[in-house]
Amino acid sequence: MRSPLLALLLGAILVLAACAKQDTADQHRASGAAPATALTPPPQAAEGAASTDQPKAADRAAVAALNRTNEEGTETVEDTAGDSGSHNLLLAAVASTVIAATPAATAQPLSAPTPWQEGVNYTRVVPAQPTSVPQGQVEVLEFFWYACRHCYGIDPQVETWKKTKPAYVTFSRVPVTWTEGHRSLARLFYTLENLGKLDRLHDEVFKEIHVNGDPLIGPDPNDTAEAERVQAAFVKKFDISEDAFAKAYHSFAVDTALQRADELVQRYRIDAVPTFVVNGKYIADVRTAGSPERLIALVGDLAALEHKHP
């Protein structure tokens, strides 16, 4: 019989989770991050550790063909060139769960006695990477995957933050492109953006996968033609014709956007989602921030720091 303390600890572990490509936390720890410092222009530190996902036992059984479980019991997605035919089982498990609820936590402001700490709440990118925003703007990138239940869970908070963020913040989502299955959903994202329908249908894609249980790819994630057919059928419900969808789907603009996503995923070594990168200098996720609410607050504070001290 579980003690109340053990149950509380297990609950905390479930809250601090993310969808991962592979578990590299031990590798990052071995690299030796610098001691924690206050959120002021800090000394250089090692790049950030990946978040990990801890699913329920039933989920592990359902997705065994795609996932492996390490010694710590964390769920990781194998780093392979393509997914297996059991990918629909993964998405079925994803659709059956939601991100663990957690009480809202108030982030400490920069001037508080206990500010955010480098190496604990966020990590510094060394060297800092160039951004794609005008001078005076602060770039915030969210790396995500439509089939990630944690990305789905945090998305309403991201949308709320988008409406209230400072004018100096330029926010962009970047879909991960780890495998053909991921790339198919990334291509859908950029196709909707190309058609000018992303704002309207972004949440609908999440709901189709996580609420309706439709993975929006075929039984074989490597079958890109079937993925296109399934997605075309989905968007047709929103008055997007098959011809218009196909033209945008295979357009040069979408291909170019996918190439840029590839480059960004590799540049920042993204192996877990959702992950946020602020102005090419800082990386943070739910695990490092402490909760989804704190992550959004941390991103805002890092952006404010960059605006004040670019």
C-alpha atoms as a PDB file:
ATOM      1  CA  MET A   1       0.000   0.000   0.000  1.00  0.00           C
ATOM      2  CA  ARG A   2       1.494   3.360  -1.016  1.00  0.00           C
ATOM      3  CA  SER A   3       2.215   5.890   1.693  1.00  0.00           C
ATOM      4  CA  PRO A   4       0.833   9.438   1.187  1.00  0.00           C
ATOM      5  CA  LEU A   5       4.404  10.727   0.813  1.00  0.00           C
ATOM      6  CA  LEU A   6       5.204   8.204  -1.929  1.00  0.00           C
ATOM      7  CA  ALA A   7       1.992   9.054  -3.771  1.00  0.00           C
ATOM      8  CA  LEU A   8       2.862  12.753  -3.586  1.00  0.00           C
ATOM      9  CA  LEU A   9       6.338  12.128  -4.977  1.00  0.00           C
ATOM     10  CA  LEU A  10       4.982  10.019  -7.846  1.00  0.00           C
ATOM     11  CA  GLY A  11       2.476  12.741  -8.659  1.00  0.00           C
ATOM     12  CA  ALA A  12       5.240  15.323  -8.802  1.00  0.00           C
ATOM     13  CA  ILE A  13       7.238  13.149 -11.195  1.00  0.00           C
ATOM     14  CA  LEU A  14       4.260  12.858 -13.543  1.00  0.00           C
ATOM     15  CA  VAL A  15       3.773  16.618 -13.608  1.00  0.00           C
ATOM     16  CA  LEU A  16       7.334  17.387 -14.685  1.00  0.00           C
ATOM     17  CA  ALA A  17       7.204  15.519 -17.963  1.00  0.00           C
ATOM     18  CA  ALA A  18       7.546  16.012 -21.703  1.00  0.00           C
ATOM     19  CA  CYS A  19       7.500  14.029 -24.944  1.00  0.00           C
ATOM     20  CA  ALA A  20      11.066  12.962 -25.655  1.00  0.00           C
ATOM     21  CA  LYS A  21      13.031  11.850 -28.696  1.00  0.00           C
ATOM     22  CA  GLN A  22      15.550  10.015 -26.574  1.00  0.00           C
ATOM     23  CA  ASP A  23      16.820  10.195 -23.023  1.00  0.00           C
ATOM     24  CA  THR A  24      19.984  12.281 -22.918  1.00  0.00           C
ATOM     25  CA  ALA A  25      19.645  13.598 -19.396  1.00  0.00           C
ATOM     26  CA  ASP A  26      22.548  11.466 -18.139  1.00  0.00           C
ATOM     27  CA  GLN A  27      24.750  12.682 -20.987  1.00  0.00           C
ATOM     28  CA  HIS A  28      23.993  16.310 -20.152  1.00  0.00           C
ATOM     29  CA  ARG A  29      24.607  15.751 -16.463  1.00  0.00           C
ATOM     30  CA  ALA A  30      27.943  14.138 -17.302  1.00  0.00           C
ATOM     31  CA  SER A  31      28.914  17.221 -19.298  1.00  0.00           C
ATOM     32  CA  GLY A  32      28.803  19.213 -16.043  1.00  0.00           C
ATOM     33  CA  ALA A  33      26.525  22.255 -16.014  1.00  0.00           C
ATOM     34  CA  ALA A  34      27.870  25.344 -14.295  1.00  0.00           C
ATOM     35  CA  PRO A  35      26.698  26.103 -10.732  1.00  0.00           C
ATOM     36  CA  ALA A  36      23.353  27.871 -10.532  1.00  0.00           C
ATOM     37  CA  THR A  37      23.407  31.651 -10.743  1.00  0.00           C
ATOM     38  CA  ALA A  38      20.770  34.358 -10.538  1.00  0.00           C
ATOM     39  CA  LEU A  39      18.933  35.487 -13.651  1.00  0.00           C
ATOM     40  CA  THR A  40      21.255  38.353 -14.518  1.00  0.00           C
ATOM     41  CA  PRO A  41      23.744  38.265 -17.391  1.00  0.00           C
ATOM     42  CA  PRO A  42      25.433  35.042 -16.091  1.00  0.00           C
ATOM     43  CA  PRO A  43      28.678  33.193 -16.878  1.00  0.00           C
ATOM     44  CA  GLN A  44      28.603  30.550 -19.586  1.00  0.00           C
ATOM     45  CA  ALA A  45      27.136  27.165 -18.775  1.00  0.00           C
ATOM     46  CA  ALA A  46      26.691  23.833 -20.501  1.00  0.00           C
ATOM     47  CA  GLU A  47      23.697  23.315 -22.780  1.00  0.00           C
ATOM     48  CA  GLY A  48      20.408  22.152 -21.292  1.00  0.00           C
ATOM     49  CA  ALA A  49      19.274  18.689 -20.367  1.00  0.00           C
ATOM     50  CA  ALA A  50      16.293  17.089 -22.065  1.00  0.00           C
ATOM     51  CA  SER A  51      12.936  16.610 -20.385  1.00  0.00           C
ATOM     52  CA  THR A  52      11.594  13.094 -20.161  1.00  0.00           C
ATOM     53  CA  ASP A  53       8.188  11.478 -20.165  1.00  0.00           C
ATOM     54  CA  GLN A  54       6.945   9.072 -17.486  1.00  0.00           C
ATOM     55  CA  PRO A  55       3.804   7.301 -18.767  1.00  0.00           C
ATOM     56  CA  LYS A  56       1.393   5.024 -16.984  1.00  0.00           C
ATOM     57  CA  ALA A  57       2.060   1.268 -17.122  1.00  0.00           C
ATOM     58  CA  ALA A  58      -0.767   0.748 -19.620  1.00  0.00           C
ATOM     59  CA  ASP A  59       0.774   3.336 -21.921  1.00  0.00           C
ATOM     60  CA  ARG A  60       4.140   1.589 -21.798  1.00  0.00           C
ATOM     61  CA  ALA A  61       2.567  -1.658 -22.950  1.00  0.00           C
ATOM     62  CA  ALA A  62       0.723   0.042 -25.796  1.00  0.00           C
ATOM     63  CA  VAL A  63       3.755   1.808 -27.205  1.00  0.00           C
ATOM     64  CA  ALA A  64       6.449  -0.796 -26.560  1.00  0.00           C
ATOM     65  CA  ALA A  65       7.240  -1.113 -30.269  1.00  0.00           C
ATOM     66  CA  LEU A  66       8.293   2.538 -30.442  1.00  0.00           C
ATOM     67  CA  ASN A  67       9.499   3.318 -26.959  1.00  0.00           C
ATOM     68  CA  ARG A  68      12.108   1.957 -24.624  1.00  0.00           C
ATOM     69  CA  THR A  69      12.240   2.385 -20.850  1.00  0.00           C
ATOM     70  CA  ASN A  70      15.529   3.264 -19.199  1.00  0.00           C
ATOM     71  CA  GLU A  71      16.638   2.444 -15.696  1.00  0.00           C
ATOM     72  CA  GLU A  72      14.807   5.458 -14.272  1.00  0.00           C
ATOM     73  CA  GLY A  73      11.516   4.367 -15.843  1.00  0.00           C
ATOM     74  CA  THR A  74      11.300   7.347 -18.173  1.00  0.00           C
ATOM     75  CA  GLU A  75       9.653   6.996 -21.568  1.00  0.00           C
ATOM     76  CA  THR A  76      11.809   7.789 -24.590  1.00  0.00           C
ATOM     77  CA  VAL A  77      11.248   7.603 -28.326  1.00  0.00           C
ATOM     78  CA  GLU A  78      13.994   5.766 -30.195  1.00  0.00           C
ATOM     79  CA  ASP A  79      16.222   7.872 -32.462  1.00  0.00           C
ATOM     80  CA  THR A  80      15.511   6.121 -35.769  1.00  0.00           C
ATOM     81  CA  ALA A  81      15.123   7.081 -39.415  1.00  0.00           C
ATOM     82  CA  GLY A  82      11.440   6.137 -39.358  1.00  0.00           C
ATOM     83  CA  ASP A  83       8.648   4.921 -37.119  1.00  0.00           C
ATOM     84  CA  SER A  84       7.210   1.437 -36.996  1.00  0.00           C
ATOM     85  CA  GLY A  85       3.734   0.406 -38.068  1.00  0.00           C
ATOM     86  CA  SER A  86       2.597   0.478 -34.450  1.00  0.00           C
ATOM     87  CA  HIS A  87       2.690   4.283 -34.396  1.00  0.00           C
ATOM     88  CA  ASN A  88      -1.098   4.377 -34.178  1.00  0.00           C
ATOM     89  CA  LEU A  89      -0.795   2.591 -30.834  1.00  0.00           C
ATOM     90  CA  LEU A  90       1.392   5.416 -29.608  1.00  0.00           C
ATOM     91  CA  LEU A  91      -1.136   8.002 -30.744  1.00  0.00           C
ATOM     92  CA  ALA A  92      -3.965   5.991 -29.199  1.00  0.00           C
ATOM     93  CA  ALA A  93      -2.121   6.100 -25.888  1.00  0.00           C
ATOM     94  CA  VAL A  94      -1.444   9.804 -26.369  1.00  0.00           C
ATOM     95  CA  ALA A  95      -5.110  10.462 -27.068  1.00  0.00           C
ATOM     96  CA  SER A  96      -6.142   8.582 -23.925  1.00  0.00           C
ATOM     97  CA  THR A  97      -4.105  10.715 -21.529  1.00  0.00           C
ATOM     98  CA  VAL A  98      -3.746  14.384 -20.685  1.00  0.00           C
ATOM     99  CA  ILE A  99      -0.964  16.307 -19.028  1.00  0.00           C
ATOM    100  CA  ALA A 100      -1.053  15.967 -15.260  1.00  0.00           C
ATOM    101  CA  ALA A 101      -2.814  18.848 -13.541  1.00  0.00           C
ATOM    102  CA  THR A 102      -0.723  21.007 -11.234  1.00  0.00           C
ATOM    103  CA  PRO A 103      -1.615  23.980  -9.035  1.00  0.00           C
ATOM    104  CA  ALA A 104      -0.634  27.300 -10.575  1.00  0.00           C
ATOM    105  CA  ALA A 105       2.754  28.477  -9.338  1.00  0.00           C
ATOM    106  CA  THR A 106       3.748  32.111  -9.239  1.00  0.00           C
ATOM    107  CA  ALA A 107       7.169  32.737 -10.774  1.00  0.00           C
ATOM    108  CA  GLN A 108       9.571  34.846  -8.806  1.00  0.00           C
ATOM    109  CA  PRO A 109      10.272  38.222 -10.462  1.00  0.00           C
ATOM    110  CA  LEU A 110      13.825  39.123 -11.413  1.00  0.00           C
ATOM    111  CA  SER A 111      14.213  41.314  -8.325  1.00  0.00           C
ATOM    112  CA  ALA A 112      12.921  38.695  -5.878  1.00  0.00           C
ATOM    113  CA  PRO A 113      15.190  37.167  -3.218  1.00  0.00           C
ATOM    114  CA  THR A 114      14.966  33.780  -4.984  1.00  0.00           C
ATOM    115  CA  PRO A 115      15.170  34.512  -8.722  1.00  0.00           C
ATOM    116  CA  TRP A 116      15.385  31.988 -11.550  1.00  0.00           C
ATOM    117  CA  GLN A 117      18.658  30.109 -11.552  1.00  0.00           C
ATOM    118  CA  GLU A 118      20.819  29.224 -14.531  1.00  0.00           C
ATOM    119  CA  GLY A 119      21.635  25.526 -14.605  1.00  0.00           C
ATOM    120  CA  VAL A 120      18.475  24.798 -12.620  1.00  0.00           C
ATOM    121  CA  ASN A 121      15.511  26.546 -14.246  1.00  0.00           C
ATOM    122  CA  TYR A 122      17.082  27.242 -17.621  1.00  0.00           C
ATOM    123  CA  THR A 123      20.325  26.619 -19.498  1.00  0.00           C
ATOM    124  CA  ARG A 124      22.448  28.898 -21.617  1.00  0.00           C
ATOM    125  CA  VAL A 125      23.187  28.103 -25.279  1.00  0.00           C
ATOM    126  CA  VAL A 126      26.937  28.305 -25.868  1.00  0.00           C
ATOM    127  CA  PRO A 127      27.679  29.884 -28.218  1.00  0.00           C
ATOM    128  CA  ALA A 128      24.537  31.979 -28.608  1.00  0.00           C
ATOM    129  CA  GLN A 129      22.793  31.388 -31.929  1.00  0.00           C
ATOM    130  CA  PRO A 130      21.644  33.991 -34.484  1.00  0.00           C
ATOM    131  CA  THR A 131      17.946  34.816 -34.583  1.00  0.00           C
ATOM    132  CA  SER A 132      15.572  35.719 -37.417  1.00  0.00           C
ATOM    133  CA  VAL A 133      13.933  38.816 -35.951  1.00  0.00           C
ATOM    134  CA  PRO A 134      14.509  42.545 -36.476  1.00  0.00           C
ATOM    135  CA  GLN A 135      16.798  44.502 -34.180  1.00  0.00           C
ATOM    136  CA  GLY A 136      15.067  45.341 -30.919  1.00  0.00           C
ATOM    137  CA  GLN A 137      12.880  42.226 -31.057  1.00  0.00           C
ATOM    138  CA  VAL A 138      13.324  39.161 -28.842  1.00  0.00           C
ATOM    139  CA  GLU A 139      12.754  35.804 -30.555  1.00  0.00           C
ATOM    140  CA  VAL A 140      10.906  33.072 -28.657  1.00  0.00           C
ATOM    141  CA  LEU A 141      10.650  29.629 -30.264  1.00  0.00           C
ATOM    142  CA  GLU A 142       8.440  26.782 -29.068  1.00  0.00           C
ATOM    143  CA  PHE A 143       9.506  23.370 -30.338  1.00  0.00           C
ATOM    144  CA  PHE A 144       6.491  21.073 -30.340  1.00  0.00           C
ATOM    145  CA  TRP A 145       4.824  18.007 -31.855  1.00  0.00           C
ATOM    146  CA  TYR A 146       1.104  17.803 -32.546  1.00  0.00           C
ATOM    147  CA  ALA A 147       0.930  14.235 -31.159  1.00  0.00           C
ATOM    148  CA  CYS A 148       2.645  15.164 -27.859  1.00  0.00           C
ATOM    149  CA  ARG A 149       0.105  15.214 -25.041  1.00  0.00           C
ATOM    150  CA  HIS A 150       2.214  17.707 -23.079  1.00  0.00           C
ATOM    151  CA  CYS A 151       2.331  20.115 -26.014  1.00  0.00           C
ATOM    152  CA  TYR A 152      -1.452  19.804 -26.192  1.00  0.00           C
ATOM    153  CA  GLY A 153      -1.706  20.375 -22.443  1.00  0.00           C
ATOM    154  CA  ILE A 154       0.343  23.569 -22.399  1.00  0.00           C
ATOM    155  CA  ASP A 155      -0.992  25.028 -25.647  1.00  0.00           C
ATOM    156  CA  PRO A 156      -3.935  26.963 -24.103  1.00  0.00           C
ATOM    157  CA  GLN A 157      -1.490  28.744 -21.788  1.00  0.00           C
ATOM    158  CA  VAL A 158       0.779  29.525 -24.730  1.00  0.00           C
ATOM    159  CA  GLU A 159      -2.174  30.968 -26.629  1.00  0.00           C
ATOM    160  CA  THR A 160      -3.142  33.134 -23.654  1.00  0.00           C
ATOM    161  CA  TRP A 161       0.445  34.364 -23.307  1.00  0.00           C
ATOM    162  CA  LYS A 162       0.559  35.202 -27.040  1.00  0.00           C
ATOM    163  CA  LYS A 163      -2.304  37.643 -26.547  1.00  0.00           C
ATOM    164  CA  THR A 164      -0.661  39.445 -23.635  1.00  0.00           C
ATOM    165  CA  LYS A 165       3.068  39.186 -24.443  1.00  0.00           C
ATOM    166  CA  PRO A 166       5.045  42.413 -24.882  1.00  0.00           C
ATOM    167  CA  ALA A 167       5.278  43.911 -28.373  1.00  0.00           C
ATOM    168  CA  TYR A 168       9.039  43.315 -28.404  1.00  0.00           C
ATOM    169  CA  VAL A 169       8.557  39.517 -28.382  1.00  0.00           C
ATOM    170  CA  THR A 170       8.349  37.692 -31.717  1.00  0.00           C
ATOM    171  CA  PHE A 171       6.926  34.213 -31.089  1.00  0.00           C
ATOM    172  CA  SER A 172       7.096  31.250 -33.477  1.00  0.00           C
ATOM    173  CA  ARG A 173       6.303  27.561 -33.178  1.00  0.00           C
ATOM    174  CA  VAL A 174       8.713  25.038 -34.681  1.00  0.00           C
ATOM    175  CA  PRO A 175       7.409  21.482 -35.226  1.00  0.00           C
ATOM    176  CA  VAL A 176      10.028  18.787 -34.636  1.00  0.00           C
ATOM    177  CA  THR A 177      11.102  16.670 -37.612  1.00  0.00           C
ATOM    178  CA  TRP A 178      12.784  13.684 -35.970  1.00  0.00           C
ATOM    179  CA  THR A 179      11.179  10.948 -38.114  1.00  0.00           C
ATOM    180  CA  GLU A 180       8.852  10.653 -41.114  1.00  0.00           C
ATOM    181  CA  GLY A 181       5.892  10.496 -38.734  1.00  0.00           C
ATOM    182  CA  HIS A 182       6.960  13.755 -37.110  1.00  0.00           C
ATOM    183  CA  ARG A 183       7.724  15.328 -40.487  1.00  0.00           C
ATOM    184  CA  SER A 184       4.250  14.525 -41.801  1.00  0.00           C
ATOM    185  CA  LEU A 185       2.631  16.509 -38.988  1.00  0.00           C
ATOM    186  CA  ALA A 186       5.240  19.253 -39.391  1.00  0.00           C
ATOM    187  CA  ARG A 187       4.351  19.486 -43.081  1.00  0.00           C
ATOM    188  CA  LEU A 188       0.680  19.787 -42.136  1.00  0.00           C
ATOM    189  CA  PHE A 189       1.571  22.677 -39.788  1.00  0.00           C
ATOM    190  CA  TYR A 190       3.437  24.590 -42.484  1.00  0.00           C
ATOM    191  CA  THR A 191       0.788  23.818 -45.114  1.00  0.00           C
ATOM    192  CA  LEU A 192      -1.913  25.352 -42.934  1.00  0.00           C
ATOM    193  CA  GLU A 193       0.351  28.345 -42.353  1.00  0.00           C
ATOM    194  CA  ASN A 194       0.906  28.693 -46.113  1.00  0.00           C
ATOM    195  CA  LEU A 195      -2.856  28.601 -46.701  1.00  0.00           C
ATOM    196  CA  GLY A 196      -3.476  31.248 -44.046  1.00  0.00           C
ATOM    197  CA  LYS A 197      -5.519  28.758 -41.997  1.00  0.00           C
ATOM    198  CA  LEU A 198      -3.141  28.025 -39.128  1.00  0.00           C
ATOM    199  CA  ASP A 199      -4.697  30.369 -36.575  1.00  0.00           C
ATOM    200  CA  ARG A 200      -8.107  28.829 -37.223  1.00  0.00           C
ATOM    201  CA  LEU A 201      -7.068  25.170 -37.380  1.00  0.00           C
ATOM    202  CA  HIS A 202      -4.063  24.858 -35.034  1.00  0.00           C
ATOM    203  CA  ASP A 203      -6.260  23.861 -32.088  1.00  0.00           C
ATOM    204  CA  GLU A 204      -8.447  21.702 -34.339  1.00  0.00           C
ATOM    205  CA  VAL A 205      -5.399  19.587 -35.278  1.00  0.00           C
ATOM    206  CA  PHE A 206      -4.585  19.059 -31.604  1.00  0.00           C
ATOM    207  CA  LYS A 207      -8.201  18.087 -30.882  1.00  0.00           C
ATOM    208  CA  GLU A 208      -8.390  15.704 -33.834  1.00  0.00           C
ATOM    209  CA  ILE A 209      -5.420  13.771 -32.460  1.00  0.00           C
ATOM    210  CA  HIS A 210      -5.956  13.963 -28.702  1.00  0.00           C
ATOM    211  CA  VAL A 211      -9.751  14.142 -28.430  1.00  0.00           C
ATOM    212  CA  ASN A 212     -10.952  12.285 -31.531  1.00  0.00           C
ATOM    213  CA  GLY A 213      -8.106   9.750 -31.560  1.00  0.00           C
ATOM    214  CA  ASP A 214      -7.218  10.350 -35.209  1.00  0.00           C
ATOM    215  CA  PRO A 215      -3.385  10.375 -35.574  1.00  0.00           C
ATOM    216  CA  LEU A 216      -3.612  12.244 -38.918  1.00  0.00           C
ATOM    217  CA  ILE A 217      -1.116   9.839 -40.456  1.00  0.00           C
ATOM    218  CA  GLY A 218      -1.625   6.352 -41.838  1.00  0.00           C
ATOM    219  CA  PRO A 219      -0.928   3.005 -40.141  1.00  0.00           C
ATOM    220  CA  ASP A 220       2.629   3.183 -41.489  1.00  0.00           C
ATOM    221  CA  PRO A 221       4.210   6.519 -40.467  1.00  0.00           C
ATOM    222  CA  ASN A 222       6.714   6.141 -43.313  1.00  0.00           C
ATOM    223  CA  ASP A 223       3.893   6.173 -45.877  1.00  0.00           C
ATOM    224  CA  THR A 224       3.900   9.887 -46.660  1.00  0.00           C
ATOM    225  CA  ALA A 225       1.328   9.534 -49.453  1.00  0.00           C
ATOM    226  CA  GLU A 226      -1.185   8.028 -47.043  1.00  0.00           C
ATOM    227  CA  ALA A 227      -0.448  10.744 -44.491  1.00  0.00           C
ATOM    228  CA  GLU A 228      -1.202  13.367 -47.130  1.00  0.00           C
ATOM    229  CA  ARG A 229      -4.477  11.648 -48.029  1.00  0.00           C
ATOM    230  CA  VAL A 230      -5.586  11.465 -44.395  1.00  0.00           C
ATOM    231  CA  GLN A 231      -4.706  15.096 -43.774  1.00  0.00           C
ATOM    232  CA  ALA A 232      -6.413  16.259 -46.965  1.00  0.00           C
ATOM    233  CA  ALA A 233      -9.594  14.508 -45.825  1.00  0.00           C
ATOM    234  CA  PHE A 234      -9.326  16.226 -42.440  1.00  0.00           C
ATOM    235  CA  VAL A 235      -8.887  19.779 -43.761  1.00  0.00           C
ATOM    236  CA  LYS A 236     -11.662  19.268 -46.317  1.00  0.00           C
ATOM    237  CA  LYS A 237     -14.086  19.443 -43.379  1.00  0.00           C
ATOM    238  CA  PHE A 238     -12.959  23.058 -42.985  1.00  0.00           C
ATOM    239  CA  ASP A 239     -13.620  24.028 -46.608  1.00  0.00           C
ATOM    240  CA  ILE A 240     -10.067  23.559 -47.892  1.00  0.00           C
ATOM    241  CA  SER A 241     -10.183  21.867 -51.282  1.00  0.00           C
ATOM    242  CA  GLU A 242      -7.969  18.895 -52.119  1.00  0.00           C
ATOM    243  CA  ASP A 243      -6.339  20.836 -54.964  1.00  0.00           C
ATOM    244  CA  ALA A 244      -5.512  23.850 -52.800  1.00  0.00           C
ATOM    245  CA  PHE A 245      -4.192  21.602 -50.055  1.00  0.00           C
ATOM    246  CA  ALA A 246      -2.017  19.540 -52.417  1.00  0.00           C
ATOM    247  CA  LYS A 247      -0.585  22.655 -54.072  1.00  0.00           C
ATOM    248  CA  ALA A 248       0.452  24.142 -50.732  1.00  0.00           C
ATOM    249  CA  TYR A 249       1.553  20.760 -49.325  1.00  0.00           C
ATOM    250  CA  HIS A 250       4.169  20.345 -52.072  1.00  0.00           C
ATOM    251  CA  SER A 251       5.059  24.019 -52.444  1.00  0.00           C
ATOM    252  CA  PHE A 252       8.568  25.407 -52.348  1.00  0.00           C
ATOM    253  CA  ALA A 253       7.576  27.590 -49.380  1.00  0.00           C
ATOM    254  CA  VAL A 254       6.560  24.570 -47.283  1.00  0.00           C
ATOM    255  CA  ASP A 255       9.676  22.619 -48.288  1.00  0.00           C
ATOM    256  CA  THR A 256      11.816  25.608 -47.287  1.00  0.00           C
ATOM    257  CA  ALA A 257      10.026  25.937 -43.940  1.00  0.00           C
ATOM    258  CA  LEU A 258      10.633  22.248 -43.217  1.00  0.00           C
ATOM    259  CA  GLN A 259      14.329  22.653 -44.009  1.00  0.00           C
ATOM    260  CA  ARG A 260      14.537  25.558 -41.573  1.00  0.00           C
ATOM    261  CA  ALA A 261      12.766  23.482 -38.908  1.00  0.00           C
ATOM    262  CA  ASP A 262      15.325  20.703 -39.477  1.00  0.00           C
ATOM    263  CA  GLU A 263      18.157  23.190 -39.023  1.00  0.00           C
ATOM    264  CA  LEU A 264      16.702  24.673 -35.836  1.00  0.00           C
ATOM    265  CA  VAL A 265      16.030  21.264 -34.272  1.00  0.00           C
ATOM    266  CA  GLN A 266      19.632  20.274 -34.950  1.00  0.00           C
ATOM    267  CA  ARG A 267      21.107  23.650 -33.968  1.00  0.00           C
ATOM    268  CA  TYR A 268      19.513  23.587 -30.530  1.00  0.00           C
ATOM    269  CA  ARG A 269      19.792  19.786 -30.159  1.00  0.00           C
ATOM    270  CA  ILE A 270      16.095  19.476 -29.409  1.00  0.00           C
ATOM    271  CA  ASP A 271      15.297  15.998 -28.102  1.00  0.00           C
ATOM    272  CA  ALA A 272      12.172  16.692 -26.036  1.00  0.00           C
ATOM    273  CA  VAL A 273       9.035  18.782 -26.442  1.00  0.00           C
ATOM    274  CA  PRO A 274       7.659  21.213 -25.500  1.00  0.00           C
ATOM    275  CA  THR A 275      10.938  23.132 -25.320  1.00  0.00           C
ATOM    276  CA  PHE A 276      11.321  26.913 -25.499  1.00  0.00           C
ATOM    277  CA  VAL A 277      14.354  28.819 -26.794  1.00  0.00           C
ATOM    278  CA  VAL A 278      14.641  32.532 -25.960  1.00  0.00           C
ATOM    279  CA  ASN A 279      16.617  34.762 -28.317  1.00  0.00           C
ATOM    280  CA  GLY A 280      19.048  32.020 -29.298  1.00  0.00           C
ATOM    281  CA  LYS A 281      20.553  32.114 -25.788  1.00  0.00           C
ATOM    282  CA  TYR A 282      18.362  30.274 -23.282  1.00  0.00           C
ATOM    283  CA  ILE A 283      16.580  26.911 -23.266  1.00  0.00           C
ATOM    284  CA  ALA A 284      13.850  25.885 -20.818  1.00  0.00           C
ATOM    285  CA  ASP A 285      11.141  23.258 -20.492  1.00  0.00           C
ATOM    286  CA  VAL A 286       8.495  22.147 -18.004  1.00  0.00           C
ATOM    287  CA  ARG A 287      10.922  20.009 -16.007  1.00  0.00           C
ATOM    288  CA  THR A 288      13.475  22.767 -15.509  1.00  0.00           C
ATOM    289  CA  ALA A 289      10.905  25.490 -14.861  1.00  0.00           C
ATOM    290  CA  GLY A 290       8.900  23.405 -12.393  1.00  0.00           C
ATOM    291  CA  SER A 291       5.431  23.454 -13.983  1.00  0.00           C
ATOM    292  CA  PRO A 292       3.696  24.611 -17.185  1.00  0.00           C
ATOM    293  CA  GLU A 293       2.667  27.866 -15.492  1.00  0.00           C
ATOM    294  CA  ARG A 294       6.188  28.579 -14.293  1.00  0.00           C
ATOM    295  CA  LEU A 295       7.584  27.774 -17.740  1.00  0.00           C
ATOM    296  CA  ILE A 296       5.443  30.458 -19.361  1.00  0.00           C
ATOM    297  CA  ALA A 297       6.471  32.933 -16.644  1.00  0.00           C
ATOM    298  CA  LEU A 298      10.142  32.006 -17.050  1.00  0.00           C
ATOM    299  CA  VAL A 299      10.007  32.518 -20.818  1.00  0.00           C
ATOM    300  CA  GLY A 300       8.513  35.955 -20.250  1.00  0.00           C
ATOM    301  CA  ASP A 301      11.194  36.877 -17.721  1.00  0.00           C
ATOM    302  CA  LEU A 302      14.021  35.665 -19.970  1.00  0.00           C
ATOM    303  CA  ALA A 303      12.566  37.678 -22.847  1.00  0.00           C
ATOM    304  CA  ALA A 304      12.393  40.770 -20.607  1.00  0.00           C
ATOM    305  CA  LEU A 305      16.019  40.253 -19.593  1.00  0.00           C
ATOM    306  CA  GLU A 306      17.056  40.048 -23.251  1.00  0.00           C
ATOM    307  CA  HIS A 307      15.093  43.173 -24.098  1.00  0.00           C
ATOM    308  CA  LYS A 308      16.787  45.074 -21.290  1.00  0.00           C
ATOM    309  CA  HIS A 309      20.276  43.608 -21.815  1.00  0.00           C
ATOM    310  CA  PRO A 310      20.476  42.368 -25.447  1.00  0.00           C
END
